[in-house]
Amino acid sequence: MNKSELVAAVATATNISKSDAANAVDAVFEAITNTLIDGDVIQVTGFGSFSVTDRAAREGRNPATGETIQIAASKQPKFKAGKSLKDSVNR
């Protein structure tokens, strides 16, 4: 499912226009993004949690040349599925 299919599903499920559904979906994504940028965790009971994890700097290899390269430290968004979501998927 891509974003436009998600918007269509939300519009159908909530009986609102696709334009309003697109605004709602965009607002949810923006809220999640801004919360993660601030370093906070989002927990949706039964669905899962979004958080940010730090990755340390490390050495890697260029697969084409075999040359050693330095990979900078970074922050990675992370999602952990909740029990209800896992149970629904595994029915």
Protein backbone atom coordinates (compact mmCIF):
# COMPACT_ATOMS: atom_id res chain seq x y z
CA MET A 1 0.00 0.00 0.00
CA ASN A 2 1.37 3.38 -0.93
CA LYS A 3 0.40 6.79 0.46
CA SER A 4 -2.39 7.47 -2.05
CA GLU A 5 -3.92 4.05 -1.31
CA LEU A 6 -3.69 4.80 2.41
CA VAL A 7 -5.45 8.14 1.87
CA ALA A 8 -8.20 6.40 -0.12
CA ALA A 9 -8.65 3.78 2.62
CA VAL A 10 -8.88 6.46 5.33
CA ALA A 11 -11.38 8.45 3.24
CA THR A 12 -13.54 5.37 2.74
CA ALA A 13 -13.35 4.23 6.37
CA THR A 14 -14.19 7.65 7.80
CA ASN A 15 -16.62 8.86 5.12
CA ILE A 16 -14.64 12.04 4.44
CA SER A 17 -13.25 13.49 1.22
CA LYS A 18 -9.90 12.32 -0.11
CA SER A 19 -8.59 15.87 0.36
CA ASP A 20 -9.50 15.86 4.06
CA ALA A 21 -8.11 12.34 4.45
CA ALA A 22 -4.84 13.42 2.79
CA ASN A 23 -4.58 16.34 5.22
CA ALA A 24 -5.18 13.99 8.17
CA VAL A 25 -2.58 11.47 6.99
CA ASP A 26 -0.05 14.24 6.36
CA ALA A 27 -0.73 15.66 9.84
CA VAL A 28 -0.11 12.28 11.48
CA PHE A 29 3.15 11.77 9.58
CA GLU A 30 4.29 15.30 10.43
CA ALA A 31 3.47 14.83 14.12
CA ILE A 32 5.42 11.57 14.23
CA THR A 33 8.39 13.13 12.43
CA ASN A 34 8.48 16.23 14.64
CA THR A 35 8.22 14.16 17.82
CA LEU A 36 11.14 11.97 16.72
CA ILE A 37 13.19 15.03 15.77
CA ASP A 38 12.65 16.31 19.33
CA GLY A 39 14.03 12.99 20.63
CA ASP A 40 10.75 11.83 22.16
CA VAL A 41 9.09 8.42 21.88
CA ILE A 42 5.60 7.83 20.49
CA GLN A 43 3.68 4.94 22.03
CA VAL A 44 0.36 3.87 20.52
CA THR A 45 -1.05 1.18 22.79
CA GLY A 46 -1.80 -1.99 20.88
CA PHE A 47 -0.12 -0.74 17.70
CA GLY A 48 3.52 -0.05 18.57
CA SER A 49 6.09 2.57 19.39
CA PHE A 50 8.31 4.88 17.38
CA SER A 51 11.69 5.95 18.74
CA VAL A 52 15.13 7.14 17.66
CA THR A 53 18.28 5.12 18.23
CA ASP A 54 21.88 6.28 17.90
CA ARG A 55 24.31 4.45 15.62
CA ALA A 56 27.98 4.86 16.46
CA ALA A 57 30.59 5.84 13.90
CA ARG A 58 32.26 2.82 12.36
CA GLU A 59 34.53 1.61 9.60
CA GLY A 60 33.13 0.09 6.45
CA ARG A 61 34.43 -1.10 3.11
CA ASN A 62 33.71 0.13 -0.37
CA PRO A 63 32.49 -3.08 -2.05
CA ALA A 64 33.80 -2.00 -5.45
CA THR A 65 37.38 -1.20 -4.39
CA GLY A 66 37.74 -2.85 -0.98
CA GLU A 67 38.94 0.50 0.37
CA THR A 68 38.24 1.19 4.07
CA ILE A 69 35.89 4.13 4.63
CA GLN A 70 34.62 5.93 7.72
CA ILE A 71 30.85 5.84 8.26
CA ALA A 72 29.67 8.77 10.39
CA ALA A 73 27.51 8.39 13.49
CA SER A 74 23.80 8.86 12.82
CA LYS A 75 20.35 8.65 14.33
CA GLN A 76 17.93 6.04 13.00
CA PRO A 77 14.14 5.98 13.40
CA LYS A 78 12.89 2.72 14.85
CA PHE A 79 9.45 1.08 15.06
CA LYS A 80 8.58 -1.74 17.45
CA ALA A 81 5.26 -3.46 16.83
CA GLY A 82 2.91 -3.88 19.78
CA LYS A 83 1.40 -7.16 20.91
CA SER A 84 -2.04 -6.54 19.39
CA LEU A 85 -0.53 -5.73 15.99
CA LYS A 86 1.71 -8.81 16.10
CA ASP A 87 -1.26 -10.99 17.08
CA SER A 88 -3.41 -9.55 14.26
CA VAL A 89 -0.71 -10.22 11.65
CA ASN A 90 -0.11 -13.77 12.93
CA ARG A 91 -3.72 -14.94 12.93
